[in-house]
């Protein structure tokens, strides 16, 4: 069976289109994977921090807050600064327990 040159061109063009689709799908998949990893990091860090907050006395919580203030940057904070969705997830996990602990320990700013 012989193929005409038009048929061969169509097959070749179809192959090029399929290859182009595969090469463009790989970066999208890796971007999605990076996003998933950032979200996992945010959730894990948030859960760890909430467990630490809930398990500490007011004195220990104050020491932790002072230590965090003197620690200018960590890998987690740099990841959260660069990824707004992961940052939002982290804040949603940590904000409530942290504010409750601050209220319980009379640590609200401005003596509220």
Protein backbone atom coordinates (compact mmCIF):
# COMPACT_ATOMS: atom_id res chain seq x y z
CA UNK A 1 0.00 0.00 0.00
CA UNK A 2 1.42 3.33 -1.06
CA UNK A 3 0.75 6.63 0.67
CA UNK A 4 0.47 9.83 -1.27
CA UNK A 5 2.69 12.73 -0.32
CA UNK A 6 -0.36 14.61 1.03
CA UNK A 7 -1.14 11.72 3.37
CA UNK A 8 2.48 11.57 4.54
CA UNK A 9 2.44 15.32 5.19
CA UNK A 10 -0.75 14.98 7.24
CA UNK A 11 0.75 12.16 9.29
CA UNK A 12 3.95 14.14 9.83
CA UNK A 13 2.03 17.27 10.81
CA UNK A 14 -0.14 15.25 13.19
CA UNK A 15 3.00 13.83 14.79
CA UNK A 16 4.46 17.31 15.24
CA UNK A 17 1.23 18.56 16.82
CA UNK A 18 1.16 15.59 19.19
CA UNK A 19 4.80 16.15 20.17
CA UNK A 20 4.16 19.86 20.76
CA UNK A 21 1.21 19.02 23.00
CA UNK A 22 3.34 16.64 25.05
CA UNK A 23 6.13 19.19 25.52
CA UNK A 24 3.74 21.92 26.62
CA UNK A 25 1.91 19.58 29.02
CA UNK A 26 5.09 18.77 30.98
CA UNK A 27 5.67 22.33 32.34
CA UNK A 28 2.00 22.64 33.27
CA UNK A 29 2.18 19.37 35.19
CA UNK A 30 5.37 20.42 36.98
CA UNK A 31 3.79 23.78 37.86
CA UNK A 32 0.79 21.97 39.32
CA UNK A 33 3.11 19.67 41.24
CA UNK A 34 5.00 22.69 42.63
CA UNK A 35 1.71 24.27 43.69
CA UNK A 36 0.63 21.05 45.42
CA UNK A 37 3.97 20.82 47.20
CA UNK A 38 3.69 24.45 48.36
CA UNK A 39 0.19 23.81 49.69
CA UNK A 40 1.38 20.66 51.50
CA UNK A 41 4.25 22.63 53.04
CA UNK A 42 1.83 25.35 54.18
CA UNK A 43 -0.60 22.85 55.71
CA UNK A 44 2.16 20.89 57.46
CA UNK A 45 3.82 24.05 58.80
CA UNK A 46 0.45 25.40 59.94
CA UNK A 47 -0.50 22.18 61.69
CA UNK A 48 2.91 21.99 63.38
CA UNK A 49 2.62 25.56 64.59
CA UNK A 50 -0.93 25.07 65.89
CA UNK A 51 0.15 21.96 67.82
CA UNK A 52 3.07 23.90 69.27
CA UNK A 53 0.88 26.88 70.21
CA UNK A 54 -1.75 24.71 71.88
CA UNK A 55 0.82 22.72 73.85
CA UNK A 56 2.69 25.67 75.36
CA UNK A 57 2.20 27.70 78.48
CA UNK A 58 1.92 31.48 78.21
CA UNK A 59 5.60 31.89 79.17
CA UNK A 60 6.69 29.37 76.53
CA UNK A 61 4.42 31.03 73.95
CA UNK A 62 5.97 34.42 74.73
CA UNK A 63 9.46 32.96 74.29
CA UNK A 64 8.43 31.38 70.99
CA UNK A 65 7.04 34.71 69.74
CA UNK A 66 10.23 36.54 70.75
CA UNK A 67 12.34 33.90 69.05
CA UNK A 68 10.25 34.12 65.88
CA UNK A 69 10.61 37.91 65.90
CA UNK A 70 14.42 37.70 66.13
CA UNK A 71 14.50 35.04 63.38
CA UNK A 72 14.31 37.27 60.33
CA UNK A 73 13.71 34.63 57.67
CA UNK A 74 13.24 30.92 57.28
CA UNK A 75 12.71 28.70 54.28
CA UNK A 76 9.04 28.36 55.17
CA UNK A 77 8.50 32.11 55.37
CA UNK A 78 10.26 32.66 52.04
CA UNK A 79 8.03 30.02 50.42
CA UNK A 80 4.95 31.66 51.91
CA UNK A 81 6.05 35.11 50.75
CA UNK A 82 6.43 33.87 47.18
CA UNK A 83 3.18 31.89 47.01
CA UNK A 84 0.04 33.80 47.95
CA UNK A 85 -2.26 30.75 47.86
CA UNK A 86 -0.03 28.80 50.23
CA UNK A 87 0.28 31.87 52.44
CA UNK A 88 -3.50 32.19 52.63
CA UNK A 89 -3.82 28.50 53.54
CA UNK A 90 -1.20 28.86 56.29
CA UNK A 91 -2.83 31.97 57.75
CA UNK A 92 -6.26 30.33 57.74
CA UNK A 93 -4.86 27.42 59.75
CA UNK A 94 -2.77 29.41 62.25
CA UNK A 95 -4.60 32.72 62.78
CA UNK A 96 -7.44 31.52 65.02
CA UNK A 97 -5.38 29.42 67.46
CA UNK A 98 -2.68 32.10 67.62
CA UNK A 99 -5.14 34.89 68.40
CA UNK A 100 -6.88 32.75 71.02
CA UNK A 101 -3.54 32.07 72.71
CA UNK A 102 -2.62 35.76 72.59
CA UNK A 103 -5.95 36.66 74.21
CA UNK A 104 -5.61 33.95 76.86
CA UNK A 105 -2.06 35.09 77.68
CA UNK A 106 -2.89 38.84 77.68
CA UNK A 107 -0.48 39.43 74.82
CA UNK A 108 -2.57 41.60 72.52
CA UNK A 109 -0.63 44.55 71.10
CA UNK A 110 -1.35 47.92 72.66
CA UNK A 111 -2.65 46.46 75.92
CA UNK A 112 -6.10 45.70 74.53
